[in-house]
Amino acid sequence: MRIEFTNRRHAVAASRIAFEAQVDDRPVWCSVSIDALNDRFDKNGTSSHALLSAFEANRASIEKAARNALSKNGGQSVELETGDFK
């Protein structure tokens, strides 16, 4: 399974950051929760700007967790939570 991440991302209702992956040339939306950003990456913002900044600053770790989840679930949509980061 080939997984690549695009630059498409946005804050969703100030509680998640959604971001797009391409799985075998098919777009798949993933997201990471505000709790995961705050718990795992020691961020405390709730504004869209703060969430996007936290996502960008930790993008490699977030994409790694998403890649692991996508590989396990056959390339279906992923909603990352704190427990998805090791």
N, C-alpha and C. Protein backbone atom coordinates (compact mmCIF):
# COMPACT_ATOMS: atom_id res chain seq x y z
N MET A 1 0.86 -1.17 0.00
CA MET A 1 0.00 0.00 0.00
C MET A 1 0.90 1.24 0.00
N ARG A 2 0.67 2.13 -0.93
CA ARG A 2 1.45 3.37 -1.00
C ARG A 2 0.67 4.48 -0.31
N ILE A 3 1.31 5.14 0.67
CA ILE A 3 0.67 6.22 1.43
C ILE A 3 1.52 7.47 1.32
N GLU A 4 0.89 8.56 0.87
CA GLU A 4 1.55 9.86 0.79
C GLU A 4 0.62 10.90 1.41
N PHE A 5 1.17 11.93 2.00
CA PHE A 5 0.37 12.98 2.61
C PHE A 5 0.45 14.25 1.77
N THR A 6 -0.69 14.92 1.60
CA THR A 6 -0.75 16.15 0.84
C THR A 6 -0.63 17.32 1.80
N ASN A 7 -0.70 18.52 1.28
CA ASN A 7 -0.67 19.71 2.14
C ASN A 7 -2.05 20.21 2.50
N ARG A 8 -3.09 19.45 2.16
CA ARG A 8 -4.45 19.84 2.51
C ARG A 8 -4.70 19.50 3.97
N ARG A 9 -5.03 20.50 4.76
CA ARG A 9 -5.39 20.30 6.17
C ARG A 9 -6.20 21.49 6.62
N HIS A 10 -7.03 21.29 7.66
CA HIS A 10 -7.82 22.39 8.20
C HIS A 10 -8.33 22.02 9.59
N ALA A 11 -8.62 23.04 10.38
CA ALA A 11 -9.19 22.83 11.71
C ALA A 11 -10.67 22.51 11.53
N VAL A 12 -11.14 21.57 12.32
CA VAL A 12 -12.53 21.15 12.26
C VAL A 12 -13.19 21.47 13.60
N ALA A 13 -14.08 22.47 13.60
CA ALA A 13 -14.83 22.84 14.80
C ALA A 13 -13.93 23.03 16.01
N ALA A 14 -12.72 23.52 15.79
CA ALA A 14 -11.74 23.81 16.85
C ALA A 14 -11.50 22.63 17.78
N SER A 15 -11.73 21.41 17.30
CA SER A 15 -11.46 20.25 18.15
C SER A 15 -10.60 19.19 17.46
N ARG A 16 -10.36 19.33 16.17
CA ARG A 16 -9.54 18.38 15.42
C ARG A 16 -8.85 19.12 14.27
N ILE A 17 -7.75 18.57 13.83
CA ILE A 17 -7.13 18.99 12.58
C ILE A 17 -7.33 17.84 11.60
N ALA A 18 -7.97 18.11 10.50
CA ALA A 18 -8.15 17.11 9.45
C ALA A 18 -7.05 17.31 8.42
N PHE A 19 -6.52 16.22 7.91
CA PHE A 19 -5.48 16.29 6.89
C PHE A 19 -5.65 15.13 5.93
N GLU A 20 -5.22 15.37 4.70
CA GLU A 20 -5.45 14.41 3.64
C GLU A 20 -4.23 13.54 3.37
N ALA A 21 -4.50 12.27 3.15
CA ALA A 21 -3.49 11.33 2.69
C ALA A 21 -3.94 10.79 1.34
N GLN A 22 -3.01 10.37 0.55
CA GLN A 22 -3.31 9.66 -0.69
C GLN A 22 -2.91 8.21 -0.46
N VAL A 23 -3.88 7.31 -0.49
CA VAL A 23 -3.61 5.89 -0.29
C VAL A 23 -3.87 5.19 -1.63
N ASP A 24 -2.81 4.70 -2.23
CA ASP A 24 -2.91 4.11 -3.56
C ASP A 24 -3.67 5.03 -4.52
N ASP A 25 -3.29 6.30 -4.51
CA ASP A 25 -3.86 7.35 -5.36
C ASP A 25 -5.32 7.68 -5.06
N ARG A 26 -5.80 7.29 -3.89
CA ARG A 26 -7.18 7.58 -3.47
C ARG A 26 -7.11 8.53 -2.27
N PRO A 27 -7.85 9.66 -2.30
CA PRO A 27 -7.81 10.57 -1.16
C PRO A 27 -8.51 9.97 0.06
N VAL A 28 -7.85 10.07 1.20
CA VAL A 28 -8.39 9.59 2.47
C VAL A 28 -8.15 10.68 3.51
N TRP A 29 -9.21 11.09 4.19
CA TRP A 29 -9.06 12.12 5.22
C TRP A 29 -8.75 11.48 6.56
N CYS A 30 -7.79 12.07 7.24
CA CYS A 30 -7.38 11.65 8.57
C CYS A 30 -7.57 12.85 9.48
N SER A 31 -7.54 12.63 10.79
CA SER A 31 -7.60 13.77 11.71
C SER A 31 -6.86 13.43 12.99
N VAL A 32 -6.49 14.47 13.71
CA VAL A 32 -5.87 14.33 15.02
C VAL A 32 -6.64 15.23 15.97
N SER A 33 -6.93 14.73 17.16
CA SER A 33 -7.76 15.48 18.11
C SER A 33 -6.96 16.55 18.84
N ILE A 34 -7.68 17.54 19.33
CA ILE A 34 -7.06 18.58 20.15
C ILE A 34 -6.44 17.96 21.40
N ASP A 35 -7.09 16.94 21.96
CA ASP A 35 -6.54 16.28 23.15
C ASP A 35 -5.19 15.64 22.84
N ALA A 36 -5.08 14.99 21.68
CA ALA A 36 -3.80 14.38 21.31
C ALA A 36 -2.72 15.44 21.14
N LEU A 37 -3.07 16.55 20.48
CA LEU A 37 -2.09 17.64 20.31
C LEU A 37 -1.65 18.19 21.66
N ASN A 38 -2.61 18.40 22.56
CA ASN A 38 -2.28 18.95 23.87
C ASN A 38 -1.54 17.94 24.75
N ASP A 39 -2.02 16.69 24.78
CA ASP A 39 -1.42 15.68 25.65
C ASP A 39 -0.05 15.24 25.16
N ARG A 40 0.05 14.95 23.89
CA ARG A 40 1.28 14.37 23.36
C ARG A 40 2.35 15.40 23.05
N PHE A 41 1.94 16.58 22.64
CA PHE A 41 2.92 17.57 22.20
C PHE A 41 2.95 18.80 23.10
N ASP A 42 2.37 18.70 24.28
CA ASP A 42 2.40 19.78 25.28
C ASP A 42 1.92 21.12 24.74
N LYS A 43 0.87 21.08 23.99
CA LYS A 43 0.27 22.31 23.48
C LYS A 43 -0.99 22.59 24.29
N ASN A 44 -1.35 23.86 24.40
CA ASN A 44 -2.52 24.21 25.20
C ASN A 44 -3.46 25.17 24.48
N GLY A 45 -3.34 25.28 23.19
CA GLY A 45 -4.20 26.20 22.46
C GLY A 45 -5.48 25.53 22.01
N THR A 46 -6.50 26.35 21.83
CA THR A 46 -7.76 25.83 21.31
C THR A 46 -8.22 26.56 20.06
N SER A 47 -7.54 27.63 19.70
CA SER A 47 -7.94 28.36 18.50
C SER A 47 -7.50 27.58 17.26
N SER A 48 -8.13 27.85 16.15
CA SER A 48 -7.75 27.20 14.89
C SER A 48 -6.28 27.44 14.58
N HIS A 49 -5.83 28.66 14.81
CA HIS A 49 -4.42 29.00 14.54
C HIS A 49 -3.49 28.17 15.43
N ALA A 50 -3.80 28.06 16.72
CA ALA A 50 -2.95 27.29 17.63
C ALA A 50 -2.93 25.81 17.25
N LEU A 51 -4.07 25.27 16.86
CA LEU A 51 -4.14 23.86 16.46
C LEU A 51 -3.34 23.61 15.19
N LEU A 52 -3.48 24.49 14.19
CA LEU A 52 -2.72 24.33 12.95
C LEU A 52 -1.23 24.47 13.20
N SER A 53 -0.85 25.39 14.08
CA SER A 53 0.57 25.56 14.42
C SER A 53 1.12 24.31 15.09
N ALA A 54 0.36 23.73 16.02
CA ALA A 54 0.78 22.51 16.70
C ALA A 54 0.89 21.36 15.70
N PHE A 55 -0.06 21.29 14.78
CA PHE A 55 0.00 20.24 13.75
C PHE A 55 1.27 20.40 12.91
N GLU A 56 1.52 21.59 12.41
CA GLU A 56 2.69 21.81 11.55
C GLU A 56 3.99 21.54 12.30
N ALA A 57 4.07 21.93 13.56
CA ALA A 57 5.29 21.74 14.34
C ALA A 57 5.57 20.25 14.61
N ASN A 58 4.53 19.44 14.57
CA ASN A 58 4.66 18.01 14.90
C ASN A 58 4.20 17.11 13.77
N ARG A 59 4.20 17.66 12.58
CA ARG A 59 3.65 16.96 11.42
C ARG A 59 4.28 15.60 11.18
N ALA A 60 5.59 15.48 11.31
CA ALA A 60 6.27 14.20 11.05
C ALA A 60 5.76 13.11 12.00
N SER A 61 5.62 13.42 13.27
CA SER A 61 5.13 12.43 14.23
C SER A 61 3.67 12.08 13.98
N ILE A 62 2.88 13.08 13.62
CA ILE A 62 1.46 12.85 13.34
C ILE A 62 1.29 11.99 12.09
N GLU A 63 2.05 12.30 11.05
CA GLU A 63 1.96 11.50 9.83
C GLU A 63 2.46 10.08 10.06
N LYS A 64 3.46 9.91 10.90
CA LYS A 64 3.94 8.56 11.22
C LYS A 64 2.83 7.76 11.90
N ALA A 65 2.15 8.36 12.87
CA ALA A 65 1.05 7.67 13.56
C ALA A 65 -0.08 7.37 12.59
N ALA A 66 -0.38 8.30 11.69
CA ALA A 66 -1.44 8.09 10.71
C ALA A 66 -1.05 6.98 9.74
N ARG A 67 0.19 6.98 9.30
CA ARG A 67 0.68 5.94 8.38
C ARG A 67 0.53 4.56 9.03
N ASN A 68 0.89 4.44 10.31
CA ASN A 68 0.75 3.17 11.02
C ASN A 68 -0.71 2.74 11.08
N ALA A 69 -1.59 3.68 11.40
CA ALA A 69 -3.02 3.37 11.49
C ALA A 69 -3.60 3.01 10.12
N LEU A 70 -3.22 3.75 9.08
CA LEU A 70 -3.70 3.45 7.73
C LEU A 70 -3.23 2.07 7.27
N SER A 71 -2.01 1.73 7.60
CA SER A 71 -1.49 0.42 7.22
C SER A 71 -2.25 -0.70 7.91
N LYS A 72 -2.65 -0.47 9.14
CA LYS A 72 -3.37 -1.49 9.92
C LYS A 72 -4.83 -1.62 9.50
N ASN A 73 -5.46 -0.50 9.07
CA ASN A 73 -6.89 -0.57 8.79
C ASN A 73 -7.22 -0.67 7.29
N GLY A 74 -6.21 -0.93 6.49
CA GLY A 74 -6.45 -1.10 5.06
C GLY A 74 -6.67 0.19 4.29
N GLY A 75 -6.22 1.30 4.86
CA GLY A 75 -6.29 2.58 4.15
C GLY A 75 -7.59 3.32 4.30
N GLN A 76 -8.31 3.05 5.39
CA GLN A 76 -9.56 3.75 5.66
C GLN A 76 -9.29 5.02 6.49
N SER A 77 -10.25 5.89 6.58
CA SER A 77 -10.13 7.13 7.34
C SER A 77 -9.65 6.84 8.76
N VAL A 78 -8.83 7.76 9.29
CA VAL A 78 -8.22 7.59 10.61
C VAL A 78 -8.52 8.81 11.47
N GLU A 79 -8.90 8.59 12.72
CA GLU A 79 -9.06 9.67 13.70
C GLU A 79 -8.09 9.39 14.84
N LEU A 80 -6.96 10.10 14.85
CA LEU A 80 -5.93 9.88 15.84
C LEU A 80 -6.30 10.50 17.19
N GLU A 81 -6.04 9.75 18.23
CA GLU A 81 -6.24 10.20 19.61
C GLU A 81 -4.93 10.06 20.35
N THR A 82 -4.87 10.48 21.59
CA THR A 82 -3.63 10.44 22.38
C THR A 82 -3.00 9.06 22.37
N GLY A 83 -3.79 8.00 22.51
CA GLY A 83 -3.28 6.65 22.58
C GLY A 83 -2.63 6.15 21.30
N ASP A 84 -2.82 6.86 20.20
CA ASP A 84 -2.22 6.45 18.93
C ASP A 84 -0.76 6.87 18.81
N PHE A 85 -0.27 7.64 19.77
CA PHE A 85 1.12 8.10 19.76
C PHE A 85 1.89 7.36 20.83
N LYS A 86 2.99 6.76 20.43
CA LYS A 86 3.78 5.97 21.37
C LYS A 86 5.07 6.68 21.70
